[in-house]
PDB file of N, CA and C in Angstrom:
ATOM      1  N   UNK A   1     119.186  70.225  93.615  1.00  0.00           N
ATOM      2  CA  UNK A   1     118.409  71.636  94.106  1.00  0.00           C
ATOM      3  C   UNK A   1     118.796  71.872  95.395  1.00  0.00           C
ATOM      4  N   UNK A   2     119.823  72.913  96.086  1.00  0.00           N
ATOM      5  CA  UNK A   2     119.856  72.958  97.260  1.00  0.00           C
ATOM      6  C   UNK A   2     118.722  73.521  98.155  1.00  0.00           C
ATOM      7  N   UNK A   3     118.990  73.475  99.367  1.00  0.00           N
ATOM      8  CA  UNK A   3     117.211  73.904 100.272  1.00  0.00           C
ATOM      9  C   UNK A   3     117.249  75.874 100.112  1.00  0.00           C
ATOM     10  N   UNK A   4     118.555  76.549  99.492  1.00  0.00           N
ATOM     11  CA  UNK A   4     118.057  77.767  99.169  1.00  0.00           C
ATOM     12  C   UNK A   4     117.778  78.168  98.110  1.00  0.00           C
ATOM     13  N   UNK A   5     117.578  77.484  97.429  1.00  0.00           N
ATOM     14  CA  UNK A   5     117.047  77.909  96.005  1.00  0.00           C
ATOM     15  C   UNK A   5     115.803  76.598  95.339  1.00  0.00           C
ATOM     16  N   UNK A   6     115.342  76.057  96.634  1.00  0.00           N
ATOM     17  CA  UNK A   6     114.156  75.082  96.520  1.00  0.00           C
ATOM     18  C   UNK A   6     112.937  76.000  96.234  1.00  0.00           C
ATOM     19  N   UNK A   7     112.529  75.692  94.713  1.00  0.00           N
ATOM     20  CA  UNK A   7     110.927  76.035  94.722  1.00  0.00           C
ATOM     21  C   UNK A   7     109.984  75.742  95.570  1.00  0.00           C
ATOM     22  N   UNK A   8     109.274  76.772  96.363  1.00  0.00           N
ATOM     23  CA  UNK A   8     108.538  76.146  97.305  1.00  0.00           C
ATOM     24  C   UNK A   8     107.046  76.862  96.636  1.00  0.00           C
ATOM     25  N   UNK A   9     105.874  76.163  97.532  1.00  0.00           N
ATOM     26  CA  UNK A   9     104.639  76.982  97.269  1.00  0.00           C
ATOM     27  C   UNK A   9     104.369  77.934  98.076  1.00  0.00           C
ATOM     28  N   UNK A  10     103.410  78.705  98.142  1.00  0.00           N
ATOM     29  CA  UNK A  10     103.129  79.935  98.908  1.00  0.00           C
ATOM     30  C   UNK A  10     102.572  79.130 100.104  1.00  0.00           C
ATOM     31  N   UNK A  11     101.417  78.013 100.456  1.00  0.00           N
ATOM     32  CA  UNK A  11     101.653  77.324 101.722  1.00  0.00           C
ATOM     33  C   UNK A  11     102.578  77.014 102.115  1.00  0.00           C
ATOM     34  N   UNK A  12     103.707  76.298 101.610  1.00  0.00           N
ATOM     35  CA  UNK A  12     104.820  75.541 102.041  1.00  0.00           C
ATOM     36  C   UNK A  12     105.468  76.972 102.823  1.00  0.00           C
ATOM     37  N   UNK A  13     105.431  77.893 102.042  1.00  0.00           N
ATOM     38  CA  UNK A  13     106.377  79.127 102.702  1.00  0.00           C
ATOM     39  C   UNK A  13     105.621  79.834 104.225  1.00  0.00           C
ATOM     40  N   UNK A  14     104.367  79.735 104.051  1.00  0.00           N
ATOM     41  CA  UNK A  14     103.725  80.169 104.941  1.00  0.00           C
ATOM     42  C   UNK A  14     103.856  79.449 106.630  1.00  0.00           C
ATOM     43  N   UNK A  15     103.837  77.939 106.231  1.00  0.00           N
ATOM     44  CA  UNK A  15     104.621  76.958 107.072  1.00  0.00           C
ATOM     45  C   UNK A  15     105.550  77.033 107.510  1.00  0.00           C
ATOM     46  N   UNK A  16     106.500  77.075 106.563  1.00  0.00           N
ATOM     47  CA  UNK A  16     108.182  77.528 106.897  1.00  0.00           C
ATOM     48  C   UNK A  16     108.164  78.467 107.894  1.00  0.00           C
ATOM     49  N   UNK A  17     107.604  79.883 107.689  1.00  0.00           N
ATOM     50  CA  UNK A  17     107.746  80.736 108.212  1.00  0.00           C
ATOM     51  C   UNK A  17     107.641  80.765 109.823  1.00  0.00           C
ATOM     52  N   UNK A  18     107.222  79.738 110.508  1.00  0.00           N
ATOM     53  CA  UNK A  18     106.851  78.930 111.725  1.00  0.00           C
ATOM     54  C   UNK A  18     108.536  78.877 112.348  1.00  0.00           C
ATOM     55  N   UNK A  19     109.714  78.458 111.483  1.00  0.00           N
ATOM     56  CA  UNK A  19     110.682  78.188 111.999  1.00  0.00           C
ATOM     57  C   UNK A  19     111.838  79.246 112.056  1.00  0.00           C
ATOM     58  N   UNK A  20     111.443  80.556 111.568  1.00  0.00           N
ATOM     59  CA  UNK A  20     111.886  81.735 111.812  1.00  0.00           C
ATOM     60  C   UNK A  20     111.241  82.509 112.344  1.00  0.00           C
ATOM     61  N   UNK A  21     110.164  82.532 112.839  1.00  0.00           N
ATOM     62  CA  UNK A  21     109.128  83.409 113.670  1.00  0.00           C
ATOM     63  C   UNK A  21     109.876  83.408 115.239  1.00  0.00           C
ATOM     64  N   UNK A  22     110.579  84.337 115.471  1.00  0.00           N
ATOM     65  CA  UNK A  22     111.127  84.789 116.839  1.00  0.00           C
ATOM     66  C   UNK A  22     110.531  86.076 117.651  1.00  0.00           C
ATOM     67  N   UNK A  23     109.765  85.946 117.858  1.00  0.00           N
ATOM     68  CA  UNK A  23     109.285  87.337 118.375  1.00  0.00           C
ATOM     69  C   UNK A  23     108.203  86.993 119.514  1.00  0.00           C
ATOM     70  N   UNK A  24     108.101  88.038 120.368  1.00  0.00           N
ATOM     71  CA  UNK A  24     106.519  87.953 121.247  1.00  0.00           C
ATOM     72  C   UNK A  24     105.641  87.490 120.607  1.00  0.00           C
ATOM     73  N   UNK A  25     104.865  86.143 121.613  1.00  0.00           N
ATOM     74  CA  UNK A  25     103.828  85.748 121.200  1.00  0.00           C
ATOM     75  C   UNK A  25     103.416  85.155 119.709  1.00  0.00           C
ATOM     76  N   UNK A  26     104.858  84.608 119.340  1.00  0.00           N
ATOM     77  CA  UNK A  26     104.910  84.053 118.027  1.00  0.00           C
ATOM     78  C   UNK A  26     104.074  82.582 118.057  1.00  0.00           C
ATOM     79  N   UNK A  27     103.250  82.533 116.799  1.00  0.00           N
ATOM     80  CA  UNK A  27     102.519  81.295 117.084  1.00  0.00           C
ATOM     81  C   UNK A  27     101.523  81.307 117.661  1.00  0.00           C
ATOM     82  N   UNK A  28     100.998  82.611 118.553  1.00  0.00           N
ATOM     83  CA  UNK A  28      99.870  82.011 119.756  1.00  0.00           C
ATOM     84  C   UNK A  28      98.297  82.829 118.869  1.00  0.00           C
ATOM     85  N   UNK A  29      98.731  83.507 118.116  1.00  0.00           N
ATOM     86  CA  UNK A  29      97.549  84.125 117.388  1.00  0.00           C
ATOM     87  C   UNK A  29      97.053  84.963 118.519  1.00  0.00           C
ATOM     88  N   UNK A  30      97.813  85.511 119.152  1.00  0.00           N
ATOM     89  CA  UNK A  30      96.985  86.756 119.807  1.00  0.00           C
ATOM     90  C   UNK A  30      97.158  88.077 119.328  1.00  0.00           C
ATOM     91  N   UNK A  31      96.577  89.095 120.143  1.00  0.00           N
ATOM     92  CA  UNK A  31      96.283  90.636 119.477  1.00  0.00           C
ATOM     93  C   UNK A  31      97.766  91.279 119.267  1.00  0.00           C
ATOM     94  N   UNK A  32      98.570  90.720 120.435  1.00  0.00           N
ATOM     95  CA  UNK A  32      99.887  91.116 120.534  1.00  0.00           C
ATOM     96  C   UNK A  32     100.732  90.718 119.226  1.00  0.00           C
ATOM     97  N   UNK A  33     100.299  89.383 118.771  1.00  0.00           N
ATOM     98  CA  UNK A  33     101.371  88.746 117.670  1.00  0.00           C
ATOM     99  C   UNK A  33     100.800  89.597 116.623  1.00  0.00           C
ATOM    100  N   UNK A  34      99.430  89.838 115.932  1.00  0.00           N
ATOM    101  CA  UNK A  34      98.904  90.781 115.219  1.00  0.00           C
ATOM    102  C   UNK A  34      99.352  92.083 115.318  1.00  0.00           C
ATOM    103  N   UNK A  35      99.687  92.866 116.197  1.00  0.00           N
ATOM    104  CA  UNK A  35     100.283  93.983 116.230  1.00  0.00           C
ATOM    105  C   UNK A  35     101.771  94.061 116.199  1.00  0.00           C
ATOM    106  N   UNK A  36     102.629  93.016 116.150  1.00  0.00           N
ATOM    107  CA  UNK A  36     103.945  93.276 115.911  1.00  0.00           C
ATOM    108  C   UNK A  36     104.170  92.617 114.384  1.00  0.00           C
ATOM    109  N   UNK A  37     103.343  91.806 113.815  1.00  0.00           N
ATOM    110  CA  UNK A  37     103.526  91.442 112.710  1.00  0.00           C
ATOM    111  C   UNK A  37     102.465  92.623 111.762  1.00  0.00           C
ATOM    112  N   UNK A  38     101.749  93.443 112.139  1.00  0.00           N
ATOM    113  CA  UNK A  38     101.085  94.882 111.471  1.00  0.00           C
ATOM    114  C   UNK A  38     102.098  95.959 111.557  1.00  0.00           C
ATOM    115  N   UNK A  39     103.051  96.131 112.941  1.00  0.00           N
ATOM    116  CA  UNK A  39     104.165  96.945 112.539  1.00  0.00           C
ATOM    117  C   UNK A  39     105.214  96.776 111.640  1.00  0.00           C
ATOM    118  N   UNK A  40     105.302  95.171 111.573  1.00  0.00           N
ATOM    119  CA  UNK A  40     106.489  94.624 110.997  1.00  0.00           C
ATOM    120  C   UNK A  40     106.287  95.093 109.265  1.00  0.00           C
ATOM    121  N   UNK A  41     104.803  95.019 108.780  1.00  0.00           N
ATOM    122  CA  UNK A  41     105.048  94.798 107.688  1.00  0.00           C
ATOM    123  C   UNK A  41     105.103  96.573 107.592  1.00  0.00           C
ATOM    124  N   UNK A  42     104.569  97.336 108.107  1.00  0.00           N
ATOM    125  CA  UNK A  42     104.409  98.756 107.787  1.00  0.00           C
ATOM    126  C   UNK A  42     106.051  99.217 107.903  1.00  0.00           C
ATOM    127  N   UNK A  43     106.470  98.755 108.814  1.00  0.00           N
ATOM    128  CA  UNK A  43     108.082  98.952 108.927  1.00  0.00           C
ATOM    129  C   UNK A  43     108.616  98.569 107.566  1.00  0.00           C
ATOM    130  N   UNK A  44     108.531  97.667 107.166  1.00  0.00           N
ATOM    131  CA  UNK A  44     109.027  96.663 106.295  1.00  0.00           C
ATOM    132  C   UNK A  44     108.454  97.691 104.414  1.00  0.00           C
ATOM    133  N   UNK A  45     107.321  98.128 104.322  1.00  0.00           N
ATOM    134  CA  UNK A  45     106.832  98.728 103.703  1.00  0.00           C
ATOM    135  C   UNK A  45     107.989 100.247 103.458  1.00  0.00           C
ATOM    136  N   UNK A  46     107.767 100.748 104.522  1.00  0.00           N
ATOM    137  CA  UNK A  46     108.364 101.908 104.399  1.00  0.00           C
ATOM    138  C   UNK A  46     110.042 101.845 104.012  1.00  0.00           C
ATOM    139  N   UNK A  47     110.472 100.772 104.736  1.00  0.00           N
ATOM    140  CA  UNK A  47     111.945 101.012 103.954  1.00  0.00           C
ATOM    141  C   UNK A  47     112.268 101.043 102.579  1.00  0.00           C
ATOM    142  N   UNK A  48     111.137  99.716 102.399  1.00  0.00           N
ATOM    143  CA  UNK A  48     110.874  99.770 100.464  1.00  0.00           C
ATOM    144  C   UNK A  48     110.192 101.031  99.565  1.00  0.00           C
ATOM    145  N   UNK A  49     109.813 101.832 100.348  1.00  0.00           N
ATOM    146  CA  UNK A  49     108.993 103.228  99.911  1.00  0.00           C
ATOM    147  C   UNK A  49     110.520 103.899  99.852  1.00  0.00           C
ATOM    148  N   UNK A  50     111.296 103.969 100.941  1.00  0.00           N
ATOM    149  CA  UNK A  50     112.669 104.638 100.803  1.00  0.00           C
ATOM    150  C   UNK A  50     113.350 104.415  99.607  1.00  0.00           C
ATOM    151  N   UNK A  51     113.488 103.170  99.215  1.00  0.00           N
ATOM    152  CA  UNK A  51     114.684 102.826  98.285  1.00  0.00           C
ATOM    153  C   UNK A  51     114.027 103.052  96.899  1.00  0.00           C
ATOM    154  N   UNK A  52     112.447 102.851  96.755  1.00  0.00           N
ATOM    155  CA  UNK A  52     111.601 103.234  95.575  1.00  0.00           C
ATOM    156  C   UNK A  52     111.864 105.052  95.563  1.00  0.00           C
ATOM    157  N   UNK A  53     112.063 105.582  96.660  1.00  0.00           N
ATOM    158  CA  UNK A  53     112.335 107.371  96.511  1.00  0.00           C
ATOM    159  C   UNK A  53     113.540 107.942  95.985  1.00  0.00           C
ATOM    160  N   UNK A  54     114.527 106.798  96.813  1.00  0.00           N
ATOM    161  CA  UNK A  54     115.989 106.816  96.126  1.00  0.00           C
ATOM    162  C   UNK A  54     116.243 106.529  94.567  1.00  0.00           C
ATOM    163  N   UNK A  55     115.622 105.424  94.237  1.00  0.00           N
ATOM    164  CA  UNK A  55     115.043 105.096  92.446  1.00  0.00           C
ATOM    165  C   UNK A  55     114.879 106.561  92.094  1.00  0.00           C
ATOM    166  N   UNK A  56     113.881 106.772  92.261  1.00  0.00           N
ATOM    167  CA  UNK A  56     112.932 108.044  91.780  1.00  0.00           C
ATOM    168  C   UNK A  56     114.177 109.171  91.476  1.00  0.00           C
ATOM    169  N   UNK A  57     114.536 109.638  92.700  1.00  0.00           N
ATOM    170  CA  UNK A  57     115.492 110.934  92.713  1.00  0.00           C
ATOM    171  C   UNK A  57     117.103 110.527  92.300  1.00  0.00           C
ATOM    172  N   UNK A  58     117.624 109.573  92.476  1.00  0.00           N
ATOM    173  CA  UNK A  58     118.917 108.873  91.993  1.00  0.00           C
ATOM    174  C   UNK A  58     119.053 108.445  90.816  1.00  0.00           C
ATOM    175  N   UNK A  59     117.895 107.805  90.040  1.00  0.00           N
ATOM    176  CA  UNK A  59     118.027 106.957  89.264  1.00  0.00           C
ATOM    177  C   UNK A  59     117.843 105.581  89.109  1.00  0.00           C
ATOM    178  N   UNK A  60     117.687 104.856  88.080  1.00  0.00           N
ATOM    179  CA  UNK A  60     117.219 103.198  88.442  1.00  0.00           C
ATOM    180  C   UNK A  60     118.855 102.380  88.401  1.00  0.00           C
ATOM    181  N   UNK A  61     119.096 101.956  89.763  1.00  0.00           N
ATOM    182  CA  UNK A  61     120.004 100.838  89.078  1.00  0.00           C
ATOM    183  C   UNK A  61     119.630  99.541  89.666  1.00  0.00           C
ATOM    184  N   UNK A  62     120.402  98.565  89.466  1.00  0.00           N
ATOM    185  CA  UNK A  62     120.102  97.205  89.847  1.00  0.00           C
ATOM    186  C   UNK A  62     120.680  97.127  91.200  1.00  0.00           C
ATOM    187  N   UNK A  63     121.046  97.712  92.033  1.00  0.00           N
ATOM    188  CA  UNK A  63     121.254  97.939  93.206  1.00  0.00           C
ATOM    189  C   UNK A  63     120.313  97.769  94.104  1.00  0.00           C
ATOM    190  N   UNK A  64     119.824  99.162  93.736  1.00  0.00           N
ATOM    191  CA  UNK A  64     118.390  99.577  94.221  1.00  0.00           C
ATOM    192  C   UNK A  64     117.144  98.696  93.754  1.00  0.00           C
ATOM    193  N   UNK A  65     117.210  98.296  92.626  1.00  0.00           N
ATOM    194  CA  UNK A  65     116.242  97.063  92.341  1.00  0.00           C
ATOM    195  C   UNK A  65     116.156  96.003  93.269  1.00  0.00           C
ATOM    196  N   UNK A  66     117.292  95.591  93.720  1.00  0.00           N
ATOM    197  CA  UNK A  66     117.966  94.529  94.607  1.00  0.00           C
ATOM    198  C   UNK A  66     117.272  94.772  96.009  1.00  0.00           C
ATOM    199  N   UNK A  67     117.690  96.183  96.410  1.00  0.00           N
ATOM    200  CA  UNK A  67     117.065  96.096  97.501  1.00  0.00           C
ATOM    201  C   UNK A  67     115.657  96.305  97.818  1.00  0.00           C
ATOM    202  N   UNK A  68     115.022  96.450  96.786  1.00  0.00           N
ATOM    203  CA  UNK A  68     113.423  96.723  97.291  1.00  0.00           C
ATOM    204  C   UNK A  68     112.700  95.473  96.886  1.00  0.00           C
ATOM    205  N   UNK A  69     113.863  94.347  95.856  1.00  0.00           N
ATOM    206  CA  UNK A  69     113.424  93.170  95.897  1.00  0.00           C
ATOM    207  C   UNK A  69     113.413  92.348  97.463  1.00  0.00           C
ATOM    208  N   UNK A  70     114.108  93.041  98.286  1.00  0.00           N
ATOM    209  CA  UNK A  70     114.922  92.345  99.430  1.00  0.00           C
ATOM    210  C   UNK A  70     113.385  92.715 100.463  1.00  0.00           C
ATOM    211  N   UNK A  71     113.150  93.613 100.346  1.00  0.00           N
ATOM    212  CA  UNK A  71     112.385  94.515 101.264  1.00  0.00           C
ATOM    213  C   UNK A  71     110.868  94.017 101.006  1.00  0.00           C
ATOM    214  N   UNK A  72     110.548  93.375  99.887  1.00  0.00           N
ATOM    215  CA  UNK A  72     109.373  92.892  99.490  1.00  0.00           C
ATOM    216  C   UNK A  72     109.072  91.501  99.911  1.00  0.00           C
ATOM    217  N   UNK A  73     110.554  90.650  99.884  1.00  0.00           N
ATOM    218  CA  UNK A  73     110.507  89.559 100.493  1.00  0.00           C
ATOM    219  C   UNK A  73     110.324  89.858 102.160  1.00  0.00           C
ATOM    220  N   UNK A  74     111.007  90.528 102.967  1.00  0.00           N
ATOM    221  CA  UNK A  74     110.364  91.038 103.869  1.00  0.00           C
ATOM    222  C   UNK A  74     109.032  91.205 104.221  1.00  0.00           C
ATOM    223  N   UNK A  75     108.253  91.922 103.607  1.00  0.00           N
ATOM    224  CA  UNK A  75     107.221  92.304 103.787  1.00  0.00           C
ATOM    225  C   UNK A  75     106.258  90.891 103.338  1.00  0.00           C
ATOM    226  N   UNK A  76     106.775  89.965 102.248  1.00  0.00           N
ATOM    227  CA  UNK A  76     106.102  88.721 102.463  1.00  0.00           C
ATOM    228  C   UNK A  76     106.120  87.915 103.494  1.00  0.00           C
ATOM    229  N   UNK A  77     107.076  87.661 104.409  1.00  0.00           N
ATOM    230  CA  UNK A  77     107.057  87.174 105.595  1.00  0.00           C
ATOM    231  C   UNK A  77     106.073  87.521 106.569  1.00  0.00           C
ATOM    232  N   UNK A  78     106.080  88.874 106.691  1.00  0.00           N
ATOM    233  CA  UNK A  78     105.001  89.523 107.708  1.00  0.00           C
ATOM    234  C   UNK A  78     103.895  89.042 107.111  1.00  0.00           C
ATOM    235  N   UNK A  79     103.460  89.137 106.016  1.00  0.00           N
ATOM    236  CA  UNK A  79     102.161  88.842 105.127  1.00  0.00           C
ATOM    237  C   UNK A  79     102.084  87.336 106.095  1.00  0.00           C
ATOM    238  N   UNK A  80     102.808  86.708 105.908  1.00  0.00           N
ATOM    239  CA  UNK A  80     102.537  85.091 106.011  1.00  0.00           C
ATOM    240  C   UNK A  80     102.324  85.107 107.411  1.00  0.00           C
ATOM    241  N   UNK A  81     103.332  85.659 108.072  1.00  0.00           N
ATOM    242  CA  UNK A  81     102.797  85.664 109.729  1.00  0.00           C
ATOM    243  C   UNK A  81     101.953  86.349 110.423  1.00  0.00           C
ATOM    244  N   UNK A  82     101.529  87.280 109.673  1.00  0.00           N
ATOM    245  CA  UNK A  82      99.911  87.887 109.629  1.00  0.00           C
ATOM    246  C   UNK A  82      98.782  86.599 109.604  1.00  0.00           C
ATOM    247  N   UNK A  83      99.169  86.359 108.267  1.00  0.00           N
ATOM    248  CA  UNK A  83      98.006  84.906 108.181  1.00  0.00           C
ATOM    249  C   UNK A  83      98.102  83.856 109.113  1.00  0.00           C
ATOM    250  N   UNK A  84      99.067  83.573 109.545  1.00  0.00           N
ATOM    251  CA  UNK A  84      99.318  82.629 110.870  1.00  0.00           C
ATOM    252  C   UNK A  84      98.590  82.790 111.750  1.00  0.00           C
ATOM    253  N   UNK A  85      98.865  84.406 112.290  1.00  0.00           N
ATOM    254  CA  UNK A  85      98.270  84.495 113.306  1.00  0.00           C
ATOM    255  C   UNK A  85      96.997  84.910 113.587  1.00  0.00           C
ATOM    256  N   UNK A  86      96.400  84.797 112.168  1.00  0.00           N
ATOM    257  CA  UNK A  86      94.683  85.000 111.974  1.00  0.00           C
ATOM    258  C   UNK A  86      94.294  83.522 111.620  1.00  0.00           C
ATOM    259  N   UNK A  87      95.238  82.797 111.617  1.00  0.00           N
ATOM    260  CA  UNK A  87      94.864  81.180 111.624  1.00  0.00           C
ATOM    261  C   UNK A  87      94.076  81.156 109.783  1.00  0.00           C
ATOM    262  N   UNK A  88      94.339  81.863 109.313  1.00  0.00           N
ATOM    263  CA  UNK A  88      94.234  81.862 107.412  1.00  0.00           C
ATOM    264  C   UNK A  88      95.248  81.508 106.458  1.00  0.00           C
ATOM    265  N   UNK A  89      95.205  80.862 105.344  1.00  0.00           N
ATOM    266  CA  UNK A  89      96.126  80.322 104.589  1.00  0.00           C
ATOM    267  C   UNK A  89      96.180  81.668 103.598  1.00  0.00           C
ATOM    268  N   UNK A  90      97.777  82.509 103.158  1.00  0.00           N
ATOM    269  CA  UNK A  90      97.722  82.854 102.100  1.00  0.00           C
ATOM    270  C   UNK A  90      97.400  82.536 100.937  1.00  0.00           C
ATOM    271  N   UNK A  91      97.099  81.200 100.631  1.00  0.00           N
ATOM    272  CA  UNK A  91      96.370  81.053  99.314  1.00  0.00           C
ATOM    273  C   UNK A  91      95.075  81.312  99.192  1.00  0.00           C
ATOM    274  N   UNK A  92      94.026  81.218 101.118  1.00  0.00           N
ATOM    275  CA  UNK A  92      92.895  81.648 100.646  1.00  0.00           C
ATOM    276  C   UNK A  92      92.920  83.280 100.412  1.00  0.00           C
ATOM    277  N   UNK A  93      93.912  83.934 101.397  1.00  0.00           N
ATOM    278  CA  UNK A  93      93.681  85.292 100.860  1.00  0.00           C
ATOM    279  C   UNK A  93      93.733  85.764  99.960  1.00  0.00           C
ATOM    280  N   UNK A  94      94.744  85.319  98.930  1.00  0.00           N
ATOM    281  CA  UNK A  94      95.377  85.652  97.674  1.00  0.00           C
ATOM    282  C   UNK A  94      93.905  84.991  96.926  1.00  0.00           C
ATOM    283  N   UNK A  95      92.962  83.690  96.659  1.00  0.00           N
ATOM    284  CA  UNK A  95      92.005  83.501  96.118  1.00  0.00           C
ATOM    285  C   UNK A  95      90.962  84.623  96.294  1.00  0.00           C
ATOM    286  N   UNK A  96      90.972  85.099  97.494  1.00  0.00           N
ATOM    287  CA  UNK A  96      89.538  86.104  98.006  1.00  0.00           C
ATOM    288  C   UNK A  96      89.854  87.277  97.202  1.00  0.00           C
ATOM    289  N   UNK A  97      91.116  87.873  97.244  1.00  0.00           N
ATOM    290  CA  UNK A  97      91.422  89.332  96.395  1.00  0.00           C
ATOM    291  C   UNK A  97      91.327  88.929  94.876  1.00  0.00           C
ATOM    292  N   UNK A  98      91.649  87.776  94.511  1.00  0.00           N
ATOM    293  CA  UNK A  98      92.004  87.515  93.245  1.00  0.00           C
ATOM    294  C   UNK A  98      90.512  87.613  92.516  1.00  0.00           C
ATOM    295  N   UNK A  99      89.663  86.698  93.720  1.00  0.00           N
ATOM    296  CA  UNK A  99      87.641  86.882  93.261  1.00  0.00           C
ATOM    297  C   UNK A  99      87.455  88.334  93.223  1.00  0.00           C
ATOM    298  N   UNK A 100      87.761  89.215  94.032  1.00  0.00           N
ATOM    299  CA  UNK A 100      87.085  90.646  94.543  1.00  0.00           C
ATOM    300  C   UNK A 100      87.533  91.495  93.209  1.00  0.00           C
ATOM    301  N   UNK A 101      89.264  91.565  92.885  1.00  0.00           N
ATOM    302  CA  UNK A 101      89.340  92.481  91.905  1.00  0.00           C
ATOM    303  C   UNK A 101      88.725  91.942  90.712  1.00  0.00           C
ATOM    304  N   UNK A 102      88.671  90.608  90.448  1.00  0.00           N
ATOM    305  CA  UNK A 102      88.394  90.244  88.991  1.00  0.00           C
ATOM    306  C   UNK A 102      86.601  90.577  89.119  1.00  0.00           C
ATOM    307  N   UNK A 103      85.877  90.428  90.041  1.00  0.00           N
ATOM    308  CA  UNK A 103      84.748  91.069  90.256  1.00  0.00           C
ATOM    309  C   UNK A 103      84.596  92.949  89.683  1.00  0.00           C
ATOM    310  N   UNK A 104      85.447  93.143  90.528  1.00  0.00           N
ATOM    311  CA  UNK A 104      85.571  94.665  90.235  1.00  0.00           C
ATOM    312  C   UNK A 104      85.887  94.857  88.478  1.00  0.00           C
ATOM    313  N   UNK A 105      86.632  94.511  88.463  1.00  0.00           N
ATOM    314  CA  UNK A 105      87.126  94.370  86.595  1.00  0.00           C
ATOM    315  C   UNK A 105      86.085  94.192  85.904  1.00  0.00           C
ATOM    316  N   UNK A 106      85.485  93.002  86.117  1.00  0.00           N
ATOM    317  CA  UNK A 106      83.834  92.871  85.574  1.00  0.00           C
ATOM    318  C   UNK A 106      82.960  93.652  85.308  1.00  0.00           C
ATOM    319  N   UNK A 107      82.730  94.302  86.849  1.00  0.00           N
ATOM    320  CA  UNK A 107      81.636  95.546  86.790  1.00  0.00           C
ATOM    321  C   UNK A 107      82.262  96.583  86.217  1.00  0.00           C
ATOM    322  N   UNK A 108      83.637  97.088  86.033  1.00  0.00           N
ATOM    323  CA  UNK A 108      83.974  98.380  85.434  1.00  0.00           C
ATOM    324  C   UNK A 108      84.430  99.235  86.879  1.00  0.00           C
ATOM    325  N   UNK A 109      84.739  98.491  88.063  1.00  0.00           N
ATOM    326  CA  UNK A 109      84.790  99.580  88.810  1.00  0.00           C
ATOM    327  C   UNK A 109      86.158  99.567  89.455  1.00  0.00           C
ATOM    328  N   UNK A 110      87.102  99.142  88.811  1.00  0.00           N
ATOM    329  CA  UNK A 110      88.549  98.957  89.388  1.00  0.00           C
ATOM    330  C   UNK A 110      88.964 100.509  89.790  1.00  0.00           C
ATOM    331  N   UNK A 111      88.823 101.691  88.920  1.00  0.00           N
ATOM    332  CA  UNK A 111      89.362 102.725  89.368  1.00  0.00           C
ATOM    333  C   UNK A 111      88.308 103.143  90.223  1.00  0.00           C
ATOM    334  N   UNK A 112      88.677 103.904  91.510  1.00  0.00           N
ATOM    335  CA  UNK A 112      87.552 104.759  92.442  1.00  0.00           C
ATOM    336  C   UNK A 112      88.086 104.035  93.758  1.00  0.00           C
ATOM    337  N   UNK A 113      87.714 104.806  94.664  1.00  0.00           N
ATOM    338  CA  UNK A 113      87.841 103.991  96.348  1.00  0.00           C
ATOM    339  C   UNK A 113      86.522 103.622  96.811  1.00  0.00           C
ATOM    340  N   UNK A 114      86.757 102.926  98.007  1.00  0.00           N
ATOM    341  CA  UNK A 114      86.185 102.265  98.950  1.00  0.00           C
ATOM    342  C   UNK A 114      86.179 101.101  98.657  1.00  0.00           C
ATOM    343  N   UNK A 115      85.604 100.458  99.713  1.00  0.00           N
ATOM    344  CA  UNK A 115      85.726  98.531  99.864  1.00  0.00           C
ATOM    345  C   UNK A 115      84.699  97.868  99.248  1.00  0.00           C
ATOM    346  N   UNK A 116      83.771  99.132  99.190  1.00  0.00           N
ATOM    347  CA  UNK A 116      82.211  98.137  98.569  1.00  0.00           C
ATOM    348  C   UNK A 116      81.996  98.883  97.259  1.00  0.00           C
ATOM    349  N   UNK A 117      82.935  98.139  96.001  1.00  0.00           N
ATOM    350  CA  UNK A 117      82.658  98.748  94.934  1.00  0.00           C
ATOM    351  C   UNK A 117      82.245  97.927  94.088  1.00  0.00           C
TER     352      UNK A 117
END
C-alpha cells in the first residue's frame, strides 16, 4: 500500500495535518489561527455549495460529484486544523456530537431549532 492510499484513522489524519499547515500562527493555538481556520472552512463550504448548486442546475455528473468530494476533503482538513487550534481531538468532537444527536433522537427532538433541545 502506498502512502497516498494508506488507510488512516481520524486522529492520525488530524496529527498529519501538522505537516501541511502552512499559514500564519499555524500550530500556535491562537485566536488568529482559529480565525484563519474558521474562514477556511467557510470558504471551502462555499465552494462545495457552488458545485452542489451547479449539480442541481445543470444535472448530476460524476465530475461534479468528484469536485464536491474534493471540497469536502478540504473542509475536513480545516476542521482538523480547527480542532488542533482548540487543543481537542476530532475523535472527541465526533463522539460528543454522536452522543448529542443520539440523545435528541431518543427524545424525539431531532427536528426543530436551537442548541438546547
